[in-house]
């Protein structure tokens, strides 16, 4: 349990850990309320220029110094496609138009679900934002060290969709 979930939100009784729906979860022994941990949604964009993919060298704790496609967390109430375009602008200075969903990506034990989109560059000026150490476009066969193992899967799916004309 996290410190914010020590007490039941319904009746203020201290929570206990108990099996519920096949998993150990915080449960109220008084009213039976179960605390469900929801996943966090992140959005990323694949931006292509001259056959190369835009990558950012991360300046944040998770994956610091490694490379990934521009992306980040979706704010509560924010449209996922809007978040994908916002993250590109914040991290790279480029304005993009989100084209289509490449896929949703999740892994067992990971609390983040990634929504990956193909995006078209429509404006802006390429410059690193505060969460980026560097920016560059890379050939898919010569990618730099990646921050997330899932990035290769995202790019493979994007390439597959492009080959099939989706």
Foldseek 3Di string as FASTA:
>chain_A
DDPVQQADPVPRAGWDFDDDPRDTFTAHPPPGDTDDDAFWEKEFEWEDDPQWTKKFQFCDDQNHRFIAGFMTTDDVPHDRQVRHQVRCCQAFQFGKHFDDWLDWDDDPPHRYIYTYTYIYTDDTDGDGHPGGPDMDTHHLVDHTGHSDPCRNVSVVSVVVCVVVVD
